[in-house]
Protein backbone atom coordinates (compact mmCIF):
# COMPACT_ATOMS: atom_id res chain seq x y z
CA MET A 1 8.75 0.61 14.60
CA ARG A 2 7.58 3.76 16.69
CA ASN A 3 9.86 6.03 14.56
CA LEU A 4 8.57 4.36 11.31
CA GLY A 5 4.86 4.82 12.73
CA ARG A 6 5.35 8.93 13.18
CA CYS A 7 6.97 9.08 10.07
CA ILE A 8 4.48 7.29 8.00
CA LEU A 9 1.54 9.52 9.50
CA LYS A 10 3.53 12.44 8.53
CA VAL A 11 4.27 11.57 5.13
CA LEU A 12 0.92 10.40 4.63
CA ALA A 13 -0.50 13.77 6.05
CA MET A 14 1.84 15.59 3.41
CA ALA A 15 0.77 13.45 0.60
CA LEU A 16 -2.88 14.20 1.39
CA ARG A 17 -2.71 17.70 2.26
CA GLN A 18 -4.60 18.98 -0.53
CA PRO A 19 -7.43 16.85 -1.68
CA GLY A 20 -10.21 17.69 -4.22
CA GLY A 21 -13.86 18.29 -3.03
CA ALA A 22 -14.84 14.65 -3.37
CA GLN A 23 -11.60 13.33 -1.56
CA VAL A 24 -11.85 15.00 1.58
CA ILE A 25 -13.82 12.79 3.60
CA SER A 26 -11.77 9.62 2.14
CA PHE A 27 -8.35 11.31 2.91
CA LYS A 28 -9.51 12.17 6.58
CA HIS A 29 -10.50 8.48 6.86
CA ALA A 30 -7.24 7.22 5.46
CA LEU A 31 -5.22 9.49 7.88
CA GLY A 32 -7.56 8.47 10.84
CA TYR A 33 -6.87 4.61 9.79
CA VAL A 34 -3.16 5.48 9.85
CA ARG A 35 -3.26 7.19 12.91
CA VAL A 36 -5.42 4.48 14.80
CA LEU A 37 -3.08 1.80 13.59
CA VAL A 38 0.03 3.99 14.87
CA ASP A 39 -1.28 4.69 18.29
CA PHE A 40 -2.32 0.84 18.69
CA ASN A 41 0.91 0.06 17.60
CA MET A 42 2.74 2.26 20.36
CA MET A 43 0.36 1.24 23.14
CA VAL A 44 1.17 -2.70 22.41
CA GLN A 45 5.01 -1.82 23.10
CA TYR A 46 4.36 -0.75 26.65
CA ARG A 47 5.98 -3.05 28.94
CA SER A 48 2.99 -3.34 31.26
CA HIS A 49 -0.59 -2.43 30.98
CA MET A 50 -3.20 -1.45 33.39
CA SER A 51 -6.85 -1.09 32.63
CA ASP A 52 -6.42 2.47 31.34
CA THR A 53 -3.98 1.58 28.62
CA ILE A 54 -6.14 -1.57 27.68
CA ALA A 55 -9.23 0.69 27.40
CA TYR A 56 -7.10 2.79 25.12
CA MET A 57 -6.38 -0.17 22.96
CA GLU A 58 -9.83 -1.25 22.83
CA ASP A 59 -10.75 2.03 21.65
CA TYR A 60 -8.31 2.16 18.98
CA LEU A 61 -9.50 -1.32 17.83
CA ASP A 62 -12.83 -0.06 17.69
CA GLN A 63 -11.96 2.89 15.84
CA PHE A 64 -10.06 0.56 13.40
CA GLN A 65 -13.18 -1.32 12.43
CA LYS A 66 -14.90 1.81 11.70
CA LEU A 67 -12.04 3.19 9.55
CA LYS A 68 -10.81 -0.16 7.60
CA ASP A 69 -13.23 0.14 4.86
CA ILE A 70 -11.20 2.73 3.58
CA VAL A 71 -8.30 0.19 2.60
CA LEU A 72 -10.59 -2.85 2.04
CA GLU A 73 -11.74 -1.31 -1.52
CA PHE A 74 -8.13 -1.62 -2.58
CA ARG A 75 -7.36 -5.01 -1.41
CA VAL A 76 -6.27 -7.38 -4.07
CA THR A 77 -8.34 -10.25 -4.77
CA LYS A 78 -7.85 -13.66 -5.91
CA ARG A 79 -8.69 -13.02 -9.38
CA THR A 80 -6.92 -9.97 -9.59
CA GLN A 81 -3.59 -11.57 -8.55
CA ASP A 82 -4.15 -14.27 -11.06
CA LYS A 83 -4.66 -11.78 -13.70
CA VAL A 84 -1.24 -10.08 -12.44
CA ASP A 85 0.62 -13.26 -12.37
CA LYS A 86 -0.98 -14.04 -16.10
CA GLN A 87 0.38 -10.66 -17.18
CA GLN A 88 3.96 -11.24 -15.91
CA LYS A 89 4.45 -14.51 -17.30
CA GLU A 90 3.36 -12.98 -20.44
CA ILE A 91 5.70 -10.18 -19.82
CA LEU A 92 8.66 -12.56 -19.23
CA HIS A 93 7.94 -14.57 -22.35
CA GLN A 94 8.05 -11.54 -24.42
CA LYS A 95 11.31 -10.01 -22.89
CA ALA A 96 13.01 -13.60 -23.32
CA LEU A 97 12.32 -13.44 -26.89
CA VAL A 98 13.44 -9.75 -27.14
CA ILE A 99 16.75 -10.43 -25.29
CA GLU A 100 17.83 -12.72 -27.73
CA GLN A 101 18.11 -10.34 -30.30
CA VAL A 102 19.40 -7.29 -28.34
CA ALA A 103 22.87 -6.45 -27.75
CA PRO A 104 24.53 -6.83 -24.18
CA SER A 105 24.85 -3.14 -23.95
CA LEU A 106 21.39 -2.28 -24.06
CA LEU A 107 20.19 -5.01 -21.68
CA HIS A 108 20.61 -2.82 -18.44
CA ARG A 109 18.40 -0.05 -19.64
CA MET A 110 15.64 -2.24 -20.89
CA ARG A 111 15.56 -3.92 -17.91
CA ASP A 112 14.75 -0.65 -16.15
CA ASN A 113 12.18 0.05 -18.45
CA ASN A 114 10.51 -3.36 -18.21
CA ARG A 115 10.48 -3.04 -14.42
CA GLN A 116 8.64 -0.03 -14.76
CA GLU A 117 6.32 -1.25 -17.24
CA GLU A 118 5.43 -4.40 -14.98
CA ASN A 119 4.88 -1.86 -11.97
CA ASP A 120 2.40 0.38 -14.16
CA VAL A 121 0.62 -2.89 -15.60
CA CYS A 122 0.24 -4.26 -11.85
CA LEU A 123 -1.15 -1.02 -10.43
CA ASP A 124 -3.64 -0.74 -13.41
CA LEU A 125 -4.81 -4.18 -12.72
CA VAL A 126 -5.11 -3.86 -9.10
CA CYS A 127 -7.00 -0.16 -9.27
CA GLY A 128 -8.91 -1.29 -11.94
CA GLU A 129 -10.91 -4.03 -9.91
């Protein structure tokens, strides 16, 4: 888990390295949010804690509370999840109708395309909220 935390922070930093003018603050908050989570997680894994380490953890939690708004705007609500579920059911129904008419050799390619289409539709529904 420690290596995952270190890697995810570096990957996020590389992905967000050249933000546009309006995105700079949001990107800094996102990096800070992930950094606080990684640091807190690493502190929690200590075998024993002293008053200093507990103070560090409390500080990380305070920072987390300040920065959590950056991810709350992208959370999936129940209404959005219901839309996604309804859309997936409709896509599955349409696929079932098409699969009956398609040769078996084309099914694999169609499944890959459908999977990508489902991901795109879900992402549009989640981000559109």
